[in-house]
């Protein structure tokens, strides 16, 4: 469980650095500060949300634009 919490903590620190005024920062901080250790599912879901916000779909698609058309030959 500590590795999940470390992954969440590292992601949270990066998210907070990139988006210091995002409402999710306050929500996560208040949730953790209640003193109740979050479940694995909660840690996974919030880590995913932060990662998705830091690397939105339209930002990730730029890497696929650099591929040549032949790279898609097996896609039907």
PDB file of N, CA and C in Angstrom:
ATOM      1  N   UNK A   1       0.823  -1.195   0.000  1.00  0.00           N
ATOM      2  CA  UNK A   1       0.000   0.000   0.000  1.00  0.00           C
ATOM      3  C   UNK A   1       0.866   1.258   0.000  1.00  0.00           C
ATOM      4  N   UNK A   2       2.027   1.176   0.610  1.00  0.00           N
ATOM      5  CA  UNK A   2       2.864   2.370   0.661  1.00  0.00           C
ATOM      6  C   UNK A   2       3.311   2.806  -0.728  1.00  0.00           C
ATOM      7  N   UNK A   3       3.487   1.864  -1.651  1.00  0.00           N
ATOM      8  CA  UNK A   3       3.895   2.258  -2.998  1.00  0.00           C
ATOM      9  C   UNK A   3       2.772   3.013  -3.713  1.00  0.00           C
ATOM     10  N   UNK A   4       1.524   2.612  -3.479  1.00  0.00           N
ATOM     11  CA  UNK A   4       0.394   3.351  -4.052  1.00  0.00           C
ATOM     12  C   UNK A   4       0.339   4.761  -3.483  1.00  0.00           C
ATOM     13  N   UNK A   5       0.552   4.870  -2.179  1.00  0.00           N
ATOM     14  CA  UNK A   5       0.517   6.185  -1.551  1.00  0.00           C
ATOM     15  C   UNK A   5       1.679   7.048  -2.038  1.00  0.00           C
ATOM     16  N   UNK A   6       2.847   6.446  -2.225  1.00  0.00           N
ATOM     17  CA  UNK A   6       3.998   7.197  -2.745  1.00  0.00           C
ATOM     18  C   UNK A   6       3.720   7.673  -4.165  1.00  0.00           C
ATOM     19  N   UNK A   7       3.144   6.802  -4.983  1.00  0.00           N
ATOM     20  CA  UNK A   7       2.795   7.179  -6.359  1.00  0.00           C
ATOM     21  C   UNK A   7       1.795   8.339  -6.351  1.00  0.00           C
ATOM     22  N   UNK A   8       0.785   8.238  -5.482  1.00  0.00           N
ATOM     23  CA  UNK A   8      -0.195   9.311  -5.344  1.00  0.00           C
ATOM     24  C   UNK A   8       0.493  10.601  -4.895  1.00  0.00           C
ATOM     25  N   UNK A   9       1.361  10.500  -3.878  1.00  0.00           N
ATOM     26  CA  UNK A   9       2.039  11.682  -3.336  1.00  0.00           C
ATOM     27  C   UNK A   9       2.908  12.369  -4.377  1.00  0.00           C
ATOM     28  N   UNK A  10       3.654  11.576  -5.133  1.00  0.00           N
ATOM     29  CA  UNK A  10       4.507  12.148  -6.183  1.00  0.00           C
ATOM     30  C   UNK A  10       3.666  12.831  -7.260  1.00  0.00           C
ATOM     31  N   UNK A  11       2.580  12.174  -7.657  1.00  0.00           N
ATOM     32  CA  UNK A  11       1.690  12.746  -8.669  1.00  0.00           C
ATOM     33  C   UNK A  11       1.037  14.016  -8.144  1.00  0.00           C
ATOM     34  N   UNK A  12       0.612  13.980  -6.878  1.00  0.00           N
ATOM     35  CA  UNK A  12      -0.021  15.148  -6.258  1.00  0.00           C
ATOM     36  C   UNK A  12       0.948  16.333  -6.213  1.00  0.00           C
ATOM     37  N   UNK A  13       2.199  16.077  -5.843  1.00  0.00           N
ATOM     38  CA  UNK A  13       3.190  17.154  -5.780  1.00  0.00           C
ATOM     39  C   UNK A  13       3.386  17.793  -7.157  1.00  0.00           C
ATOM     40  N   UNK A  14       3.472  16.973  -8.194  1.00  0.00           N
ATOM     41  CA  UNK A  14       3.632  17.491  -9.558  1.00  0.00           C
ATOM     42  C   UNK A  14       2.376  18.237 -10.004  1.00  0.00           C
ATOM     43  N   UNK A  15       1.206  17.677  -9.703  1.00  0.00           N
ATOM     44  CA  UNK A  15      -0.057  18.315 -10.070  1.00  0.00           C
ATOM     45  C   UNK A  15      -0.184  19.669  -9.377  1.00  0.00           C
ATOM     46  N   UNK A  16       0.156  19.705  -8.100  1.00  0.00           N
ATOM     47  CA  UNK A  16       0.073  20.950  -7.326  1.00  0.00           C
ATOM     48  C   UNK A  16       1.040  22.000  -7.879  1.00  0.00           C
ATOM     49  N   UNK A  17       2.203  21.545  -8.350  1.00  0.00           N
ATOM     50  CA  UNK A  17       3.175  22.473  -8.931  1.00  0.00           C
ATOM     51  C   UNK A  17       2.637  23.057 -10.243  1.00  0.00           C
ATOM     52  N   UNK A  18       2.017  22.210 -11.066  1.00  0.00           N
ATOM     53  CA  UNK A  18       1.512  22.663 -12.363  1.00  0.00           C
ATOM     54  C   UNK A  18       0.220  23.466 -12.251  1.00  0.00           C
ATOM     55  N   UNK A  19      -0.627  23.089 -11.308  1.00  0.00           N
ATOM     56  CA  UNK A  19      -1.948  23.721 -11.165  1.00  0.00           C
ATOM     57  C   UNK A  19      -2.207  24.112  -9.708  1.00  0.00           C
ATOM     58  N   UNK A  20      -1.496  25.100  -9.184  1.00  0.00           N
ATOM     59  CA  UNK A  20      -1.615  25.422  -7.753  1.00  0.00           C
ATOM     60  C   UNK A  20      -3.007  25.877  -7.321  1.00  0.00           C
ATOM     61  N   UNK A  21      -3.803  26.419  -8.217  1.00  0.00           N
ATOM     62  CA  UNK A  21      -5.127  26.930  -7.841  1.00  0.00           C
ATOM     63  C   UNK A  21      -6.275  26.040  -8.311  1.00  0.00           C
ATOM     64  N   UNK A  22      -5.968  24.852  -8.777  1.00  0.00           N
ATOM     65  CA  UNK A  22      -7.012  23.937  -9.244  1.00  0.00           C
ATOM     66  C   UNK A  22      -7.831  23.457  -8.041  1.00  0.00           C
ATOM     67  N   UNK A  23      -9.160  23.407  -8.164  1.00  0.00           N
ATOM     68  CA  UNK A  23     -10.002  22.964  -7.038  1.00  0.00           C
ATOM     69  C   UNK A  23      -9.674  21.554  -6.544  1.00  0.00           C
ATOM     70  N   UNK A  24      -9.143  20.720  -7.404  1.00  0.00           N
ATOM     71  CA  UNK A  24      -8.794  19.361  -6.998  1.00  0.00           C
ATOM     72  C   UNK A  24      -7.683  19.355  -5.947  1.00  0.00           C
ATOM     73  N   UNK A  25      -6.783  20.325  -5.991  1.00  0.00           N
ATOM     74  CA  UNK A  25      -5.706  20.406  -5.007  1.00  0.00           C
ATOM     75  C   UNK A  25      -6.292  20.536  -3.604  1.00  0.00           C
ATOM     76  N   UNK A  26      -7.225  21.455  -3.431  1.00  0.00           N
ATOM     77  CA  UNK A  26      -7.853  21.656  -2.123  1.00  0.00           C
ATOM     78  C   UNK A  26      -8.676  20.441  -1.710  1.00  0.00           C
ATOM     79  N   UNK A  27      -9.402  19.866  -2.649  1.00  0.00           N
ATOM     80  CA  UNK A  27     -10.211  18.682  -2.349  1.00  0.00           C
ATOM     81  C   UNK A  27      -9.342  17.532  -1.840  1.00  0.00           C
ATOM     82  N   UNK A  28      -8.241  17.272  -2.528  1.00  0.00           N
ATOM     83  CA  UNK A  28      -7.358  16.181  -2.127  1.00  0.00           C
ATOM     84  C   UNK A  28      -6.686  16.471  -0.793  1.00  0.00           C
ATOM     85  N   UNK A  29      -6.250  17.712  -0.611  1.00  0.00           N
ATOM     86  CA  UNK A  29      -5.595  18.075   0.647  1.00  0.00           C
ATOM     87  C   UNK A  29      -6.547  17.904   1.827  1.00  0.00           C
ATOM     88  N   UNK A  30      -7.789  18.350   1.678  1.00  0.00           N
ATOM     89  CA  UNK A  30      -8.741  18.235   2.782  1.00  0.00           C
ATOM     90  C   UNK A  30      -9.090  16.774   3.056  1.00  0.00           C
ATOM     91  N   UNK A  31      -9.167  15.975   2.015  1.00  0.00           N
ATOM     92  CA  UNK A  31      -9.471  14.542   2.186  1.00  0.00           C
ATOM     93  C   UNK A  31      -8.362  13.841   2.970  1.00  0.00           C
ATOM     94  N   UNK A  32      -7.119  14.111   2.616  1.00  0.00           N
ATOM     95  CA  UNK A  32      -5.980  13.480   3.290  1.00  0.00           C
ATOM     96  C   UNK A  32      -5.838  14.002   4.724  1.00  0.00           C
ATOM     97  N   UNK A  33      -6.099  15.282   4.925  1.00  0.00           N
ATOM     98  CA  UNK A  33      -5.895  15.881   6.252  1.00  0.00           C
ATOM     99  C   UNK A  33      -6.925  15.430   7.287  1.00  0.00           C
ATOM    100  N   UNK A  34      -7.960  14.724   6.864  1.00  0.00           N
ATOM    101  CA  UNK A  34      -8.953  14.216   7.818  1.00  0.00           C
ATOM    102  C   UNK A  34      -8.375  13.135   8.724  1.00  0.00           C
ATOM    103  N   UNK A  35      -7.229  12.602   8.359  1.00  0.00           N
ATOM    104  CA  UNK A  35      -6.564  11.615   9.190  1.00  0.00           C
ATOM    105  C   UNK A  35      -6.922  10.177   8.877  1.00  0.00           C
ATOM    106  N   UNK A  36      -7.883   9.955   8.008  1.00  0.00           N
ATOM    107  CA  UNK A  36      -8.259   8.598   7.633  1.00  0.00           C
ATOM    108  C   UNK A  36      -7.468   8.217   6.388  1.00  0.00           C
ATOM    109  N   UNK A  37      -6.769   7.087   6.458  1.00  0.00           N
ATOM    110  CA  UNK A  37      -5.963   6.661   5.318  1.00  0.00           C
ATOM    111  C   UNK A  37      -6.883   6.229   4.183  1.00  0.00           C
ATOM    112  N   UNK A  38      -6.683   6.758   2.976  1.00  0.00           N
ATOM    113  CA  UNK A  38      -7.567   6.440   1.846  1.00  0.00           C
ATOM    114  C   UNK A  38      -7.395   4.998   1.365  1.00  0.00           C
ATOM    115  N   UNK A  39      -8.425   4.483   0.741  1.00  0.00           N
ATOM    116  CA  UNK A  39      -8.388   3.121   0.198  1.00  0.00           C
ATOM    117  C   UNK A  39      -7.502   3.072  -1.050  1.00  0.00           C
ATOM    118  N   UNK A  40      -7.117   1.862  -1.413  1.00  0.00           N
ATOM    119  CA  UNK A  40      -6.320   1.675  -2.631  1.00  0.00           C
ATOM    120  C   UNK A  40      -7.063   2.191  -3.860  1.00  0.00           C
ATOM    121  N   UNK A  41      -8.360   1.898  -3.918  1.00  0.00           N
ATOM    122  CA  UNK A  41      -9.164   2.331  -5.066  1.00  0.00           C
ATOM    123  C   UNK A  41      -9.209   3.858  -5.156  1.00  0.00           C
ATOM    124  N   UNK A  42      -9.358   4.520  -4.013  1.00  0.00           N
ATOM    125  CA  UNK A  42      -9.389   5.983  -3.988  1.00  0.00           C
ATOM    126  C   UNK A  42      -8.053   6.537  -4.472  1.00  0.00           C
ATOM    127  N   UNK A  43      -6.942   5.972  -3.993  1.00  0.00           N
ATOM    128  CA  UNK A  43      -5.616   6.427  -4.423  1.00  0.00           C
ATOM    129  C   UNK A  43      -5.437   6.240  -5.930  1.00  0.00           C
ATOM    130  N   UNK A  44      -5.818   5.074  -6.436  1.00  0.00           N
ATOM    131  CA  UNK A  44      -5.685   4.809  -7.882  1.00  0.00           C
ATOM    132  C   UNK A  44      -6.519   5.784  -8.711  1.00  0.00           C
ATOM    133  N   UNK A  45      -7.770   5.977  -8.298  1.00  0.00           N
ATOM    134  CA  UNK A  45      -8.654   6.831  -9.100  1.00  0.00           C
ATOM    135  C   UNK A  45      -8.193   8.283  -9.097  1.00  0.00           C
ATOM    136  N   UNK A  46      -7.774   8.797  -7.957  1.00  0.00           N
ATOM    137  CA  UNK A  46      -7.328  10.195  -7.897  1.00  0.00           C
ATOM    138  C   UNK A  46      -5.995  10.389  -8.610  1.00  0.00           C
ATOM    139  N   UNK A  47      -5.118   9.393  -8.538  1.00  0.00           N
ATOM    140  CA  UNK A  47      -3.856   9.469  -9.274  1.00  0.00           C
ATOM    141  C   UNK A  47      -4.138   9.514 -10.773  1.00  0.00           C
ATOM    142  N   UNK A  48      -5.081   8.693 -11.231  1.00  0.00           N
ATOM    143  CA  UNK A  48      -5.445   8.681 -12.655  1.00  0.00           C
ATOM    144  C   UNK A  48      -6.029  10.025 -13.077  1.00  0.00           C
ATOM    145  N   UNK A  49      -6.903  10.597 -12.262  1.00  0.00           N
ATOM    146  CA  UNK A  49      -7.506  11.895 -12.585  1.00  0.00           C
ATOM    147  C   UNK A  49      -6.421  12.958 -12.733  1.00  0.00           C
ATOM    148  N   UNK A  50      -5.491  13.001 -11.788  1.00  0.00           N
ATOM    149  CA  UNK A  50      -4.424  14.009 -11.858  1.00  0.00           C
ATOM    150  C   UNK A  50      -3.560  13.809 -13.095  1.00  0.00           C
ATOM    151  N   UNK A  51      -3.207  12.560 -13.391  1.00  0.00           N
ATOM    152  CA  UNK A  51      -2.385  12.290 -14.581  1.00  0.00           C
ATOM    153  C   UNK A  51      -3.116  12.676 -15.858  1.00  0.00           C
ATOM    154  N   UNK A  52      -4.411  12.375 -15.912  1.00  0.00           N
ATOM    155  CA  UNK A  52      -5.198  12.747 -17.094  1.00  0.00           C
ATOM    156  C   UNK A  52      -5.257  14.260 -17.270  1.00  0.00           C
ATOM    157  N   UNK A  53      -5.370  14.985 -16.178  1.00  0.00           N
ATOM    158  CA  UNK A  53      -5.404  16.446 -16.266  1.00  0.00           C
ATOM    159  C   UNK A  53      -4.042  17.024 -16.661  1.00  0.00           C
ATOM    160  N   UNK A  54      -2.963  16.378 -16.218  1.00  0.00           N
ATOM    161  CA  UNK A  54      -1.624  16.869 -16.560  1.00  0.00           C
ATOM    162  C   UNK A  54      -1.239  16.510 -17.992  1.00  0.00           C
ATOM    163  N   UNK A  55      -1.813  15.435 -18.534  1.00  0.00           N
ATOM    164  CA  UNK A  55      -1.513  15.012 -19.907  1.00  0.00           C
ATOM    165  C   UNK A  55      -2.827  14.747 -20.626  1.00  0.00           C
ATOM    166  N   UNK A  56      -3.539  15.810 -21.021  1.00  0.00           N
ATOM    167  CA  UNK A  56      -4.840  15.622 -21.660  1.00  0.00           C
ATOM    168  C   UNK A  56      -4.727  14.874 -22.986  1.00  0.00           C
ATOM    169  N   UNK A  57      -5.831  14.300 -23.401  1.00  0.00           N
ATOM    170  CA  UNK A  57      -5.873  13.488 -24.620  1.00  0.00           C
ATOM    171  C   UNK A  57      -5.345  14.263 -25.819  1.00  0.00           C
ATOM    172  N   UNK A  58      -5.752  15.519 -25.967  1.00  0.00           N
ATOM    173  CA  UNK A  58      -5.306  16.287 -27.133  1.00  0.00           C
ATOM    174  C   UNK A  58      -3.804  16.546 -27.087  1.00  0.00           C
ATOM    175  N   UNK A  59      -3.191  16.536 -25.926  1.00  0.00           N
ATOM    176  CA  UNK A  59      -1.742  16.678 -25.823  1.00  0.00           C
ATOM    177  C   UNK A  59      -1.023  15.390 -26.165  1.00  0.00           C
ATOM    178  N   UNK A  60      -1.637  14.277 -25.819  1.00  0.00           N
ATOM    179  CA  UNK A  60      -1.039  12.976 -26.103  1.00  0.00           C
ATOM    180  C   UNK A  60      -1.128  12.630 -27.578  1.00  0.00           C
ATOM    181  N   UNK A  61      -2.118  13.137 -28.290  1.00  0.00           N
ATOM    182  CA  UNK A  61      -2.294  12.794 -29.700  1.00  0.00           C
ATOM    183  C   UNK A  61      -1.198  13.388 -30.575  1.00  0.00           C
ATOM    184  N   UNK A  62      -0.505  14.398 -30.106  1.00  0.00           N
ATOM    185  CA  UNK A  62       0.568  15.002 -30.891  1.00  0.00           C
ATOM    186  C   UNK A  62       1.672  13.999 -31.171  1.00  0.00           C
ATOM    187  N   UNK A  63       1.916  13.081 -30.256  1.00  0.00           N
ATOM    188  CA  UNK A  63       2.970  12.101 -30.477  1.00  0.00           C
ATOM    189  C   UNK A  63       2.590  11.125 -31.584  1.00  0.00           C
ATOM    190  N   UNK A  64       1.295  10.871 -31.780  1.00  0.00           N
ATOM    191  CA  UNK A  64       0.881   9.966 -32.853  1.00  0.00           C
ATOM    192  C   UNK A  64       0.919  10.643 -34.209  1.00  0.00           C
ATOM    193  N   UNK A  65       0.856  11.971 -34.255  1.00  0.00           N
ATOM    194  CA  UNK A  65       0.907  12.691 -35.523  1.00  0.00           C
ATOM    195  C   UNK A  65       2.257  12.543 -36.200  1.00  0.00           C
ATOM    196  N   UNK A  66       3.293  12.282 -35.417  1.00  0.00           N
ATOM    197  CA  UNK A  66       4.628  12.175 -35.982  1.00  0.00           C
ATOM    198  C   UNK A  66       4.861  10.816 -36.642  1.00  0.00           C
ATOM    199  N   UNK A  67       3.944   9.858 -36.446  1.00  0.00           N
ATOM    200  CA  UNK A  67       4.097   8.553 -37.063  1.00  0.00           C
ATOM    201  C   UNK A  67       3.735   8.626 -38.543  1.00  0.00           C
ATOM    202  N   UNK A  68       4.417   7.839 -39.323  1.00  0.00           N
ATOM    203  CA  UNK A  68       4.120   7.816 -40.752  1.00  0.00           C
ATOM    204  C   UNK A  68       2.873   6.977 -41.009  1.00  0.00           C
ATOM    205  N   UNK A  69       2.201   7.190 -42.144  1.00  0.00           N
ATOM    206  CA  UNK A  69       0.988   6.417 -42.463  1.00  0.00           C
ATOM    207  C   UNK A  69       1.227   4.915 -42.482  1.00  0.00           C
ATOM    208  N   UNK A  70       2.435   4.481 -42.827  1.00  0.00           N
ATOM    209  CA  UNK A  70       2.713   3.045 -42.861  1.00  0.00           C
ATOM    210  C   UNK A  70       2.661   2.427 -41.465  1.00  0.00           C
ATOM    211  N   UNK A  71       2.827   3.249 -40.425  1.00  0.00           N
ATOM    212  CA  UNK A  71       2.738   2.744 -39.061  1.00  0.00           C
ATOM    213  C   UNK A  71       1.326   2.289 -38.730  1.00  0.00           C
ATOM    214  N   UNK A  72       0.348   2.758 -39.496  1.00  0.00           N
ATOM    215  CA  UNK A  72      -1.045   2.425 -39.246  1.00  0.00           C
ATOM    216  C   UNK A  72      -1.556   1.336 -40.187  1.00  0.00           C
ATOM    217  N   UNK A  73      -0.688   0.703 -40.943  1.00  0.00           N
ATOM    218  CA  UNK A  73      -1.118  -0.256 -41.954  1.00  0.00           C
ATOM    219  C   UNK A  73      -1.853  -1.450 -41.366  1.00  0.00           C
ATOM    220  N   UNK A  74      -1.571  -1.809 -40.124  1.00  0.00           N
ATOM    221  CA  UNK A  74      -2.239  -2.959 -39.530  1.00  0.00           C
ATOM    222  C   UNK A  74      -3.540  -2.578 -38.831  1.00  0.00           C
ATOM    223  N   UNK A  75      -3.878  -1.290 -38.815  1.00  0.00           N
ATOM    224  CA  UNK A  75      -5.104  -0.829 -38.172  1.00  0.00           C
ATOM    225  C   UNK A  75      -6.234  -0.869 -39.192  1.00  0.00           C
ATOM    226  N   UNK A  76      -7.316  -1.541 -38.852  1.00  0.00           N
ATOM    227  CA  UNK A  76      -8.434  -1.629 -39.804  1.00  0.00           C
ATOM    228  C   UNK A  76      -9.582  -0.772 -39.372  1.00  0.00           C
TER     229      UNK A  76
END
